[in-house]
N, C-alpha and C. Protein backbone atom coordinates (compact mmCIF):
# COMPACT_ATOMS: atom_id res chain seq x y z
N UNK A 1 -65.57 70.08 55.01
CA UNK A 1 -63.87 70.62 54.32
C UNK A 1 -63.51 71.59 55.61
N UNK A 2 -62.13 72.18 54.95
CA UNK A 2 -61.29 72.06 56.18
C UNK A 2 -61.86 73.65 55.77
N UNK A 3 -62.14 74.72 56.54
CA UNK A 3 -61.49 76.30 55.79
C UNK A 3 -61.01 77.08 56.53
N UNK A 4 -60.43 78.45 56.70
CA UNK A 4 -59.47 78.53 57.18
C UNK A 4 -60.57 79.91 58.23
N UNK A 5 -60.26 79.95 59.53
CA UNK A 5 -61.28 81.09 59.88
C UNK A 5 -61.63 82.38 59.62
N UNK A 6 -60.59 82.70 59.03
CA UNK A 6 -60.44 84.55 58.91
C UNK A 6 -61.02 84.70 57.42
N UNK A 7 -60.45 83.87 56.35
CA UNK A 7 -61.00 84.11 55.37
C UNK A 7 -62.38 83.64 54.06
N UNK A 8 -62.86 82.63 54.83
CA UNK A 8 -63.29 80.95 54.51
C UNK A 8 -63.15 80.99 53.53
N UNK A 9 -61.88 80.75 52.95
CA UNK A 9 -61.77 79.74 50.59
C UNK A 9 -60.66 78.45 52.69
N UNK A 10 -60.82 77.81 51.45
CA UNK A 10 -61.04 76.76 51.71
C UNK A 10 -59.37 76.45 51.89
N UNK A 11 -58.71 75.65 52.98
CA UNK A 11 -57.62 75.09 53.49
C UNK A 11 -56.60 74.60 52.05
N UNK A 12 -57.78 73.57 51.89
CA UNK A 12 -57.28 72.63 50.53
C UNK A 12 -56.92 73.47 49.59
N UNK A 13 -57.77 74.72 49.48
CA UNK A 13 -57.87 75.39 48.03
C UNK A 13 -56.24 76.55 48.31
N UNK A 14 -55.63 76.79 48.61
CA UNK A 14 -54.90 77.21 49.18
C UNK A 14 -53.23 76.65 49.29
N UNK A 15 -53.56 75.46 49.53
CA UNK A 15 -52.19 74.20 49.89
C UNK A 15 -52.73 73.37 49.08
N UNK A 16 -52.64 73.31 47.66
CA UNK A 16 -53.02 71.82 46.06
C UNK A 16 -52.14 70.56 46.65
N UNK A 17 -51.29 70.97 47.67
CA UNK A 17 -50.11 68.98 47.91
C UNK A 17 -51.07 68.49 48.44
N UNK A 18 -51.74 69.69 49.84
CA UNK A 18 -52.54 68.95 50.71
C UNK A 18 -53.74 68.37 49.64
N UNK A 19 -54.39 69.36 49.23
CA UNK A 19 -55.91 69.36 48.30
C UNK A 19 -54.86 67.37 47.83
N UNK A 20 -54.14 67.31 46.53
CA UNK A 20 -53.52 66.43 46.46
C UNK A 20 -53.14 64.94 47.20
N UNK A 21 -53.01 65.20 47.99
CA UNK A 21 -52.76 63.63 49.19
C UNK A 21 -54.29 63.15 50.08
N UNK A 22 -54.74 64.54 50.34
CA UNK A 22 -56.05 63.87 50.53
C UNK A 22 -56.84 63.64 49.35
N UNK A 23 -56.51 63.70 48.43
CA UNK A 23 -57.17 62.57 47.44
C UNK A 23 -56.99 61.92 46.46
N UNK A 24 -55.42 61.45 46.68
CA UNK A 24 -54.79 60.28 46.88
C UNK A 24 -54.87 59.23 48.24
N UNK A 25 -55.85 60.00 48.83
CA UNK A 25 -55.97 58.98 50.53
C UNK A 25 -56.95 58.50 49.79
N UNK A 26 -57.72 59.01 49.38
CA UNK A 26 -59.84 58.77 49.71
C UNK A 26 -59.77 57.79 48.77
N UNK A 27 -58.90 58.35 47.06
CA UNK A 27 -58.91 57.28 45.85
C UNK A 27 -58.50 55.53 46.80
N UNK A 28 -57.65 55.85 47.56
CA UNK A 28 -56.83 54.78 47.85
C UNK A 28 -58.30 53.63 48.94
N UNK A 29 -58.52 54.75 49.60
CA UNK A 29 -59.62 54.01 50.60
C UNK A 29 -60.86 52.94 49.55
N UNK A 30 -61.37 54.38 48.55
CA UNK A 30 -61.78 54.01 48.07
C UNK A 30 -61.43 52.49 47.35
N UNK A 31 -60.34 52.31 46.84
CA UNK A 31 -60.40 51.56 45.95
C UNK A 31 -60.37 49.76 46.91
N UNK A 32 -59.73 50.33 48.53
CA UNK A 32 -59.65 49.25 48.80
C UNK A 32 -61.24 48.76 49.75
N UNK A 33 -61.91 49.19 49.54
CA UNK A 33 -63.44 49.25 49.71
C UNK A 33 -64.19 47.48 49.35
N UNK A 34 -63.85 46.81 50.28
CA UNK A 34 -64.90 45.99 49.88
C UNK A 34 -66.12 45.61 50.25
N UNK A 35 -67.22 44.66 50.25
CA UNK A 35 -68.33 44.56 50.48
C UNK A 35 -67.83 43.81 51.46
N UNK A 36 -69.46 42.78 52.02
CA UNK A 36 -69.25 41.82 53.42
C UNK A 36 -68.93 41.20 52.00
N UNK A 37 -69.76 40.55 51.72
CA UNK A 37 -69.04 39.41 50.84
C UNK A 37 -68.49 39.51 49.62
N UNK A 38 -67.61 38.94 49.82
CA UNK A 38 -66.40 39.21 48.85
C UNK A 38 -65.69 38.40 47.61
N UNK A 39 -66.98 37.03 47.62
CA UNK A 39 -66.88 36.26 47.09
C UNK A 39 -65.74 36.01 46.78
N UNK A 40 -65.16 35.31 45.11
CA UNK A 40 -63.64 34.59 45.75
C UNK A 40 -62.39 35.89 46.54
N UNK A 41 -61.22 34.80 46.58
CA UNK A 41 -60.77 36.10 46.83
C UNK A 41 -59.12 35.42 46.17
N UNK A 42 -58.87 36.56 45.61
CA UNK A 42 -57.76 36.75 44.71
C UNK A 42 -55.96 37.58 45.10
N UNK A 43 -55.07 36.63 45.50
CA UNK A 43 -53.98 37.10 45.99
C UNK A 43 -52.81 37.18 45.71
N UNK A 44 -52.58 38.21 45.72
CA UNK A 44 -52.15 39.23 46.01
C UNK A 44 -53.16 39.93 44.93
N UNK A 45 -53.65 41.37 44.99
CA UNK A 45 -54.04 42.01 44.47
C UNK A 45 -53.95 42.55 42.91
N UNK A 46 -52.56 43.46 42.90
CA UNK A 46 -51.57 43.45 42.08
C UNK A 46 -50.30 43.36 42.51
N UNK A 47 -49.23 42.86 41.45
CA UNK A 47 -48.60 42.23 40.93
C UNK A 47 -48.11 43.37 40.06
N UNK A 48 -46.48 44.02 40.59
CA UNK A 48 -45.69 44.78 39.44
C UNK A 48 -44.25 43.46 39.81
N UNK A 49 -43.58 43.05 38.54
CA UNK A 49 -42.63 42.07 38.99
C UNK A 49 -41.56 42.93 38.09
N UNK A 50 -40.14 42.10 38.07
CA UNK A 50 -39.27 41.98 37.02
C UNK A 50 -39.25 40.92 35.50
N UNK A 51 -38.83 41.35 34.53
CA UNK A 51 -38.77 40.68 33.40
C UNK A 51 -37.70 39.23 34.31
N UNK A 52 -37.95 38.45 34.33
CA UNK A 52 -37.40 36.57 34.47
C UNK A 52 -37.82 36.45 35.36
N UNK A 53 -38.62 37.06 36.72
CA UNK A 53 -39.63 36.32 37.63
C UNK A 53 -40.50 35.48 37.58
N UNK A 54 -40.59 34.25 38.58
CA UNK A 54 -41.56 33.46 38.44
C UNK A 54 -42.58 34.39 40.06
N UNK A 55 -43.71 34.43 39.16
CA UNK A 55 -45.37 35.49 39.88
C UNK A 55 -45.83 34.26 40.16
N UNK A 56 -46.53 34.15 41.30
CA UNK A 56 -47.46 32.80 41.73
C UNK A 56 -48.80 33.76 42.39
N UNK A 57 -50.36 33.38 41.43
CA UNK A 57 -51.46 33.99 42.02
C UNK A 57 -52.37 32.80 42.16
N UNK A 58 -53.12 33.42 43.15
CA UNK A 58 -53.64 32.06 43.58
C UNK A 58 -55.41 33.08 44.01
N UNK A 59 -56.22 31.50 43.97
CA UNK A 59 -57.21 32.46 44.22
C UNK A 59 -57.83 31.07 45.24
N UNK A 60 -59.31 31.37 45.68
CA UNK A 60 -59.71 31.13 46.05
C UNK A 60 -61.63 31.41 46.25
N UNK A 61 -62.36 29.98 45.65
CA UNK A 61 -63.12 30.61 45.36
C UNK A 61 -64.04 30.41 46.23
N UNK A 62 -65.67 30.82 46.09
CA UNK A 62 -66.26 30.70 47.21
C UNK A 62 -66.73 29.22 47.31
N UNK A 63 -66.60 28.93 49.11
CA UNK A 63 -66.96 27.66 49.17
C UNK A 63 -68.51 27.83 48.91
N UNK A 64 -68.37 26.20 48.43
CA UNK A 64 -68.84 25.24 48.02
C UNK A 64 -69.24 25.11 46.54
N UNK A 65 -68.33 25.75 45.50
CA UNK A 65 -68.28 26.13 45.01
C UNK A 65 -67.23 25.16 43.74
N UNK A 66 -67.92 23.97 42.94
CA UNK A 66 -67.25 22.88 42.75
C UNK A 66 -66.36 23.45 41.62
N UNK A 67 -66.71 24.76 40.62
CA UNK A 67 -65.79 24.77 39.10
C UNK A 67 -64.98 26.11 39.63
N UNK A 68 -63.85 25.60 39.42
CA UNK A 68 -63.26 26.96 39.22
C UNK A 68 -62.25 27.35 37.87
N UNK A 69 -61.95 28.42 37.22
CA UNK A 69 -61.65 28.31 35.97
C UNK A 69 -60.83 29.69 36.43
N UNK A 70 -60.03 30.20 35.64
CA UNK A 70 -58.76 31.09 35.31
C UNK A 70 -58.99 31.03 33.91
N UNK A 71 -59.22 33.14 33.51
CA UNK A 71 -58.73 33.86 32.32
C UNK A 71 -57.67 34.55 32.26
N UNK A 72 -57.30 35.59 31.54
CA UNK A 72 -56.59 36.49 31.56
C UNK A 72 -56.95 36.88 30.12
N UNK A 73 -56.98 38.85 30.89
CA UNK A 73 -57.65 39.97 29.70
C UNK A 73 -56.13 40.59 29.56
N UNK A 74 -55.78 40.80 28.78
CA UNK A 74 -55.24 42.18 27.70
C UNK A 74 -55.72 42.96 27.98
N UNK A 75 -54.83 44.11 28.04
CA UNK A 75 -55.81 45.62 27.07
C UNK A 75 -56.79 45.32 26.26
N UNK A 76 -57.82 46.41 26.21
CA UNK A 76 -58.21 46.56 24.42
C UNK A 76 -59.07 44.96 24.23
N UNK A 77 -58.15 43.52 25.20
CA UNK A 77 -59.55 42.37 24.27
C UNK A 77 -60.08 42.25 25.81
N UNK A 78 -61.12 40.80 25.30
CA UNK A 78 -61.82 40.52 25.95
C UNK A 78 -61.26 39.20 26.70
N UNK A 79 -61.71 38.30 27.56
CA UNK A 79 -60.86 37.71 28.57
C UNK A 79 -60.62 36.09 27.66
N UNK A 80 -59.92 35.52 27.84
CA UNK A 80 -59.43 34.61 27.35
C UNK A 80 -58.63 33.15 28.14
N UNK A 81 -59.45 32.25 28.09
CA UNK A 81 -59.54 31.75 28.54
C UNK A 81 -58.26 30.92 28.85
N UNK A 82 -58.34 29.83 29.88
CA UNK A 82 -56.87 29.80 30.42
C UNK A 82 -57.25 28.25 30.85
N UNK A 83 -57.77 28.04 32.18
CA UNK A 83 -58.22 26.50 32.31
C UNK A 83 -59.08 26.38 33.21
N UNK A 84 -59.28 25.07 33.30
CA UNK A 84 -61.26 25.17 34.05
C UNK A 84 -60.79 23.92 35.05
N UNK A 85 -60.90 23.54 36.23
CA UNK A 85 -61.39 23.04 37.00
C UNK A 85 -62.54 22.37 37.88
N UNK A 86 -62.86 21.30 37.95
CA UNK A 86 -64.41 20.90 38.57
C UNK A 86 -63.59 20.61 39.68
N UNK A 87 -64.22 19.95 40.84
CA UNK A 87 -63.97 19.00 42.56
C UNK A 87 -62.33 19.15 42.50
N UNK A 88 -61.70 20.38 41.95
CA UNK A 88 -59.96 20.00 42.34
C UNK A 88 -59.13 19.46 40.97
N UNK A 89 -60.44 18.79 40.27
CA UNK A 89 -59.30 18.21 39.20
C UNK A 89 -59.10 19.40 37.63
N UNK A 90 -58.40 19.53 36.84
CA UNK A 90 -58.42 19.92 35.86
C UNK A 90 -58.96 19.49 34.83
N UNK A 91 -60.39 19.62 34.11
CA UNK A 91 -61.03 19.93 32.97
C UNK A 91 -60.97 19.64 31.69
N UNK A 92 -60.57 20.97 31.16
CA UNK A 92 -59.90 22.16 30.28
C UNK A 92 -59.15 22.55 30.20
N UNK A 93 -57.46 22.30 30.31
CA UNK A 93 -56.31 23.30 29.67
C UNK A 93 -55.72 23.78 28.67
N UNK A 94 -56.89 23.94 27.39
CA UNK A 94 -56.60 24.42 26.15
C UNK A 94 -55.60 25.60 25.78
N UNK A 95 -56.39 26.48 27.25
CA UNK A 95 -56.10 28.10 26.75
C UNK A 95 -54.63 28.27 27.89
N UNK A 96 -54.31 27.88 28.43
CA UNK A 96 -52.99 27.23 29.17
C UNK A 96 -51.62 27.38 28.43
N UNK A 97 -50.74 28.86 28.19
CA UNK A 97 -49.46 29.09 27.53
C UNK A 97 -48.88 27.74 28.11
N UNK A 98 -48.06 26.98 26.87
CA UNK A 98 -47.10 25.55 27.02
C UNK A 98 -46.00 26.08 27.55
N UNK A 99 -45.63 25.30 28.75
CA UNK A 99 -44.06 25.85 28.70
C UNK A 99 -44.03 26.13 30.49
N UNK A 100 -44.08 27.87 30.23
CA UNK A 100 -44.05 29.15 31.22
C UNK A 100 -45.34 28.75 32.62
N UNK A 101 -46.20 28.62 31.98
CA UNK A 101 -47.78 28.95 32.91
C UNK A 101 -47.82 26.67 33.40
N UNK A 102 -48.47 26.98 34.52
CA UNK A 102 -48.53 26.18 35.23
C UNK A 102 -49.64 26.23 36.22
N UNK A 103 -51.10 25.93 36.51
CA UNK A 103 -51.83 25.86 37.35
C UNK A 103 -52.03 24.59 38.40
N UNK A 104 -52.58 24.54 39.29
CA UNK A 104 -52.60 23.80 40.01
C UNK A 104 -54.19 23.85 41.52
N UNK A 105 -54.64 23.04 41.79
CA UNK A 105 -55.74 23.54 42.79
C UNK A 105 -55.91 22.00 43.47
N UNK A 106 -55.16 22.26 44.75
CA UNK A 106 -54.63 21.20 45.62
C UNK A 106 -55.39 20.54 46.57
N UNK A 107 -56.50 21.46 46.08
CA UNK A 107 -57.68 21.31 47.56
C UNK A 107 -59.12 22.09 46.90
N UNK A 108 -60.15 21.61 47.64
CA UNK A 108 -61.72 22.76 46.60
C UNK A 108 -61.23 23.76 47.11
N UNK A 109 -61.16 24.19 48.18
CA UNK A 109 -60.86 25.84 48.42
C UNK A 109 -58.85 25.94 47.77
N UNK A 110 -58.93 25.90 47.29
CA UNK A 110 -57.15 26.71 47.14
C UNK A 110 -57.17 26.43 45.62
N UNK A 111 -56.63 27.84 44.16
CA UNK A 111 -55.99 27.23 43.28
C UNK A 111 -54.67 28.25 43.22
N UNK A 112 -54.25 27.61 42.48
CA UNK A 112 -52.76 28.71 42.61
C UNK A 112 -52.25 28.42 40.60
N UNK A 113 -51.70 29.70 40.06
CA UNK A 113 -51.39 30.08 38.81
C UNK A 113 -50.07 30.58 38.68
N UNK A 114 -49.55 29.81 38.36
CA UNK A 114 -47.56 30.52 38.16
C UNK A 114 -47.00 30.56 37.12
N UNK A 115 -46.59 31.63 37.09
CA UNK A 115 -45.73 31.97 35.44
C UNK A 115 -44.69 32.05 35.64
N UNK A 116 -44.00 31.16 35.01
CA UNK A 116 -42.24 31.61 35.38
C UNK A 116 -41.58 31.67 34.26
N UNK A 117 -40.65 32.92 35.13
CA UNK A 117 -39.53 33.21 34.00
C UNK A 117 -40.53 34.27 32.76
N UNK A 118 -41.34 34.92 33.48
CA UNK A 118 -42.34 36.68 33.74
C UNK A 118 -41.52 36.92 32.09
N UNK A 119 -42.26 37.34 31.64
CA UNK A 119 -42.47 38.06 30.00
C UNK A 119 -43.28 39.41 29.79
N UNK A 120 -42.78 40.29 28.76
CA UNK A 120 -43.63 41.63 28.92
C UNK A 120 -45.00 41.46 28.37
N UNK A 121 -45.15 40.70 27.84
CA UNK A 121 -46.17 39.66 27.17
C UNK A 121 -47.27 38.92 27.91
N UNK A 122 -46.76 38.85 29.41
CA UNK A 122 -47.06 38.39 30.51
C UNK A 122 -48.12 38.99 30.93
N UNK A 123 -48.07 40.47 30.63
CA UNK A 123 -48.19 41.63 31.72
C UNK A 123 -50.82 41.79 30.78
N UNK A 124 -50.73 41.47 32.11
CA UNK A 124 -52.51 41.12 31.61
C UNK A 124 -53.19 41.17 33.78
N UNK A 125 -54.82 41.28 32.65
CA UNK A 125 -55.31 41.10 34.22
C UNK A 125 -55.50 39.37 34.31
N UNK A 126 -55.75 39.33 35.17
CA UNK A 126 -55.71 37.81 35.55
C UNK A 126 -57.02 37.24 35.89
N UNK A 127 -57.74 36.78 35.62
CA UNK A 127 -59.03 36.40 36.66
C UNK A 127 -59.12 34.93 36.64
N UNK A 128 -59.85 35.11 38.23
CA UNK A 128 -60.74 33.94 38.73
C UNK A 128 -62.04 33.84 38.56
N UNK A 129 -62.16 32.56 38.75
CA UNK A 129 -64.03 32.78 38.82
C UNK A 129 -64.60 31.61 39.46
N UNK A 130 -65.33 31.40 39.67
CA UNK A 130 -65.79 30.27 40.32
C UNK A 130 -67.41 30.49 40.20
N UNK A 131 -68.22 28.71 39.79
CA UNK A 131 -68.89 28.48 40.11
C UNK A 131 -69.85 27.41 41.10
N UNK A 132 -71.06 27.09 40.81
CA UNK A 132 -71.79 25.89 41.92
C UNK A 132 -71.11 24.46 41.35
N UNK A 133 -72.38 24.81 39.82
CA UNK A 133 -72.16 24.17 38.15
C UNK A 133 -71.42 24.18 37.67
N UNK A 134 -71.51 23.09 35.90
CA UNK A 134 -70.79 23.39 35.42
C UNK A 134 -71.58 23.94 33.81
N UNK A 135 -70.66 24.01 33.25
CA UNK A 135 -70.80 24.40 31.67
C UNK A 135 -70.44 23.43 30.56
N UNK A 136 -70.98 22.52 30.48
CA UNK A 136 -71.07 21.52 29.16
C UNK A 136 -70.18 22.28 27.68
N UNK A 137 -68.82 22.18 27.58
CA UNK A 137 -68.32 22.38 26.62
C UNK A 137 -69.01 24.20 26.27
N UNK A 138 -68.54 24.89 27.44
CA UNK A 138 -68.25 25.76 26.97
C UNK A 138 -67.84 26.49 28.43
N UNK A 139 -67.41 27.87 28.29
CA UNK A 139 -66.27 28.65 29.80
C UNK A 139 -68.14 29.73 29.90
N UNK A 140 -67.42 29.57 31.21
CA UNK A 140 -68.67 31.15 31.85
C UNK A 140 -68.65 32.65 31.35
N UNK A 141 -67.26 32.16 30.78
CA UNK A 141 -67.13 34.03 30.44
C UNK A 141 -67.86 34.32 29.17
N UNK A 142 -67.50 34.97 28.70
CA UNK A 142 -67.30 35.18 27.37
C UNK A 142 -65.95 35.32 26.97
N UNK A 143 -65.66 34.00 26.20
CA UNK A 143 -64.10 34.17 25.77
C UNK A 143 -64.57 34.13 24.41
N UNK A 144 -63.01 35.50 23.59
CA UNK A 144 -62.83 35.16 22.21
C UNK A 144 -61.48 34.36 22.08
N UNK A 145 -62.24 33.96 20.95
CA UNK A 145 -61.53 32.53 20.30
C UNK A 145 -61.73 32.20 18.35
N UNK A 146 -60.61 32.49 18.40
CA UNK A 146 -60.14 32.69 16.60
C UNK A 146 -61.29 31.86 15.80
N UNK A 147 -61.56 31.63 14.91
CA UNK A 147 -62.73 30.79 14.13
C UNK A 147 -60.84 30.46 12.45
N UNK A 148 -61.18 29.11 12.53
CA UNK A 148 -60.14 28.54 11.58
C UNK A 148 -61.57 28.93 9.87
N UNK A 149 -62.26 28.97 10.42
CA UNK A 149 -63.31 29.66 8.44
C UNK A 149 -63.48 31.24 9.54
N UNK A 150 -63.62 31.54 8.29
CA UNK A 150 -63.44 32.91 8.09
C UNK A 150 -65.24 33.12 7.82
N UNK A 151 -65.64 32.45 7.33
CA UNK A 151 -67.10 33.01 6.97
C UNK A 151 -67.70 32.19 8.46
N UNK A 152 -67.28 32.39 9.79
CA UNK A 152 -68.15 32.13 10.65
C UNK A 152 -68.33 30.02 11.01
N UNK A 153 -69.38 30.24 11.89
CA UNK A 153 -69.22 29.17 11.88
C UNK A 153 -69.37 27.45 11.22
N UNK A 154 -69.07 26.63 11.61
CA UNK A 154 -68.96 25.58 10.67
C UNK A 154 -70.16 24.68 11.32
N UNK A 155 -71.27 23.99 10.26
CA UNK A 155 -71.96 23.32 10.61
C UNK A 155 -71.58 22.55 11.92
N UNK A 156 -71.17 21.37 11.34
CA UNK A 156 -70.81 20.26 13.17
C UNK A 156 -70.89 20.96 14.86
N UNK A 157 -70.41 22.61 13.47
CA UNK A 157 -69.83 23.59 15.36
C UNK A 157 -70.86 24.75 15.59
N UNK A 158 -71.59 24.83 15.05
CA UNK A 158 -72.43 26.53 15.68
C UNK A 158 -72.35 26.64 16.84
N UNK A 159 -72.25 28.16 16.87
CA UNK A 159 -72.94 28.74 17.92
C UNK A 159 -73.95 28.75 18.19
N UNK A 160 -73.68 28.72 19.96
CA UNK A 160 -74.91 28.33 20.58
C UNK A 160 -75.19 29.55 21.40
N UNK A 161 -75.83 29.76 21.71
CA UNK A 161 -75.67 30.51 23.39
C UNK A 161 -75.92 29.39 24.03
N UNK A 162 -75.35 29.55 25.40
CA UNK A 162 -75.51 28.77 26.45
C UNK A 162 -76.03 29.64 27.98
N UNK A 163 -76.74 29.02 28.72
CA UNK A 163 -76.91 29.53 29.83
C UNK A 163 -75.89 29.25 31.12
N UNK A 164 -75.16 29.97 31.33
CA UNK A 164 -74.07 29.79 32.79
C UNK A 164 -74.17 29.34 33.76
N UNK A 165 -73.77 28.99 34.78
CA UNK A 165 -74.38 29.13 36.13
C UNK A 165 -73.77 30.19 36.73
N UNK A 166 -74.83 30.68 38.03
CA UNK A 166 -74.56 31.48 38.68
C UNK A 166 -72.35 31.37 38.99
N UNK A 167 -71.95 32.78 38.57
CA UNK A 167 -70.78 32.71 38.43
C UNK A 167 -70.26 33.95 39.41
N UNK A 168 -69.25 34.18 39.58
CA UNK A 168 -68.20 35.22 40.85
C UNK A 168 -67.08 35.41 40.65
N UNK A 169 -66.55 36.28 40.06
CA UNK A 169 -65.32 36.29 39.85
C UNK A 169 -64.19 37.45 40.54
N UNK A 170 -62.83 38.25 40.18
CA UNK A 170 -61.94 39.03 40.69
C UNK A 170 -61.38 38.62 39.54
N UNK A 171 -60.47 40.04 39.72
CA UNK A 171 -59.26 39.76 38.78
C UNK A 171 -58.21 40.64 38.97
N UNK A 172 -56.62 40.12 39.05
CA UNK A 172 -55.50 40.84 39.84
C UNK A 172 -55.10 41.34 38.80
N UNK A 173 -54.17 42.37 38.40
CA UNK A 173 -53.45 43.26 37.33
C UNK A 173 -52.07 42.16 37.41
N UNK A 174 -51.39 41.96 36.51
CA UNK A 174 -49.94 41.97 36.55
C UNK A 174 -49.26 43.03 35.56
N UNK A 175 -47.84 43.59 36.21
CA UNK A 175 -47.26 44.59 35.08
C UNK A 175 -45.94 44.66 35.72
N UNK A 176 -45.15 44.68 34.67
CA UNK A 176 -43.33 45.10 34.89
C UNK A 176 -43.03 46.06 35.01
N UNK A 177 -42.05 46.61 35.35
CA UNK A 177 -41.60 47.60 35.96
C UNK A 177 -39.74 47.11 35.37
N UNK A 178 -39.46 48.47 34.81
CA UNK A 178 -38.49 48.87 33.98
C UNK A 178 -36.95 47.60 34.93
N UNK A 179 -36.50 47.54 33.96
CA UNK A 179 -35.11 46.66 34.75
C UNK A 179 -34.45 47.76 35.30
N UNK A 180 -33.85 47.69 36.81
CA UNK A 180 -33.23 48.74 37.37
C UNK A 180 -32.23 49.42 36.80
N UNK A 181 -31.42 50.61 36.41
CA UNK A 181 -30.79 51.51 36.38
C UNK A 181 -30.94 51.71 34.96
N UNK A 182 -32.63 51.22 33.63
CA UNK A 182 -32.15 51.49 32.47
C UNK A 182 -33.62 52.97 32.61
N UNK A 183 -32.95 53.86 32.10
CA UNK A 183 -34.20 55.10 32.47
C UNK A 183 -34.60 55.68 30.80
N UNK A 184 -36.01 56.23 31.11
CA UNK A 184 -36.92 56.27 30.17
C UNK A 184 -36.61 57.95 29.89
N UNK A 185 -36.10 58.84 29.46
CA UNK A 185 -36.20 60.30 29.85
C UNK A 185 -35.27 60.54 31.32
N UNK A 186 -35.91 61.14 32.23
CA UNK A 186 -35.57 61.32 33.29
C UNK A 186 -36.38 60.64 34.40
N UNK A 187 -36.92 59.17 34.19
CA UNK A 187 -37.60 58.93 36.06
C UNK A 187 -37.98 57.47 34.72
N UNK A 188 -38.47 56.16 36.03
CA UNK A 188 -38.12 55.32 35.21
C UNK A 188 -39.68 54.61 35.37
N UNK A 189 -40.79 54.03 34.47
CA UNK A 189 -41.78 53.90 34.60
C UNK A 189 -42.31 52.83 34.47
N UNK A 190 -43.67 52.39 34.82
CA UNK A 190 -44.02 51.17 34.16
C UNK A 190 -44.19 50.39 32.77
N UNK A 191 -44.45 49.70 32.68
CA UNK A 191 -45.12 49.74 31.63
C UNK A 191 -46.45 48.66 31.35
């Protein structure tokens, strides 16, 4: 820690702006730290866009993994399944919003999720996950789905626990900023 030669008091204590900058640098440095075995790679890590723009999210699964999954998680909610690929082919796209969302896996080492004409409701964390094997008729993350019957699962579709294959996932935050010129209070704020 930096200290003054004559007083023994911390320079950071006497200069709060310096302390704030140092804290910010340390926090940003820690946020950027990743282990050598990063697993799934997702880019960009953060995306802030204006309403009406196109967003492209990329995902590289772990080498050798055949299955790739995309999820979306909004604040306060569990992950919501979007689409599942196996060996590059879409297997289940039942969670994909129709129209503005699309996903592709042109080869075994790369997948793309695109959102056309973004809307504020698209603001979420988008998760990409990969696994070696497949999970028949299930998704490897616990996913919230609404049930048609308020009394619980039907006898023909009982809820059964399943053993998920080893899974590696990474998330990406997507947010929206105010349209240029619009001000809330005295400053522009992100949504």
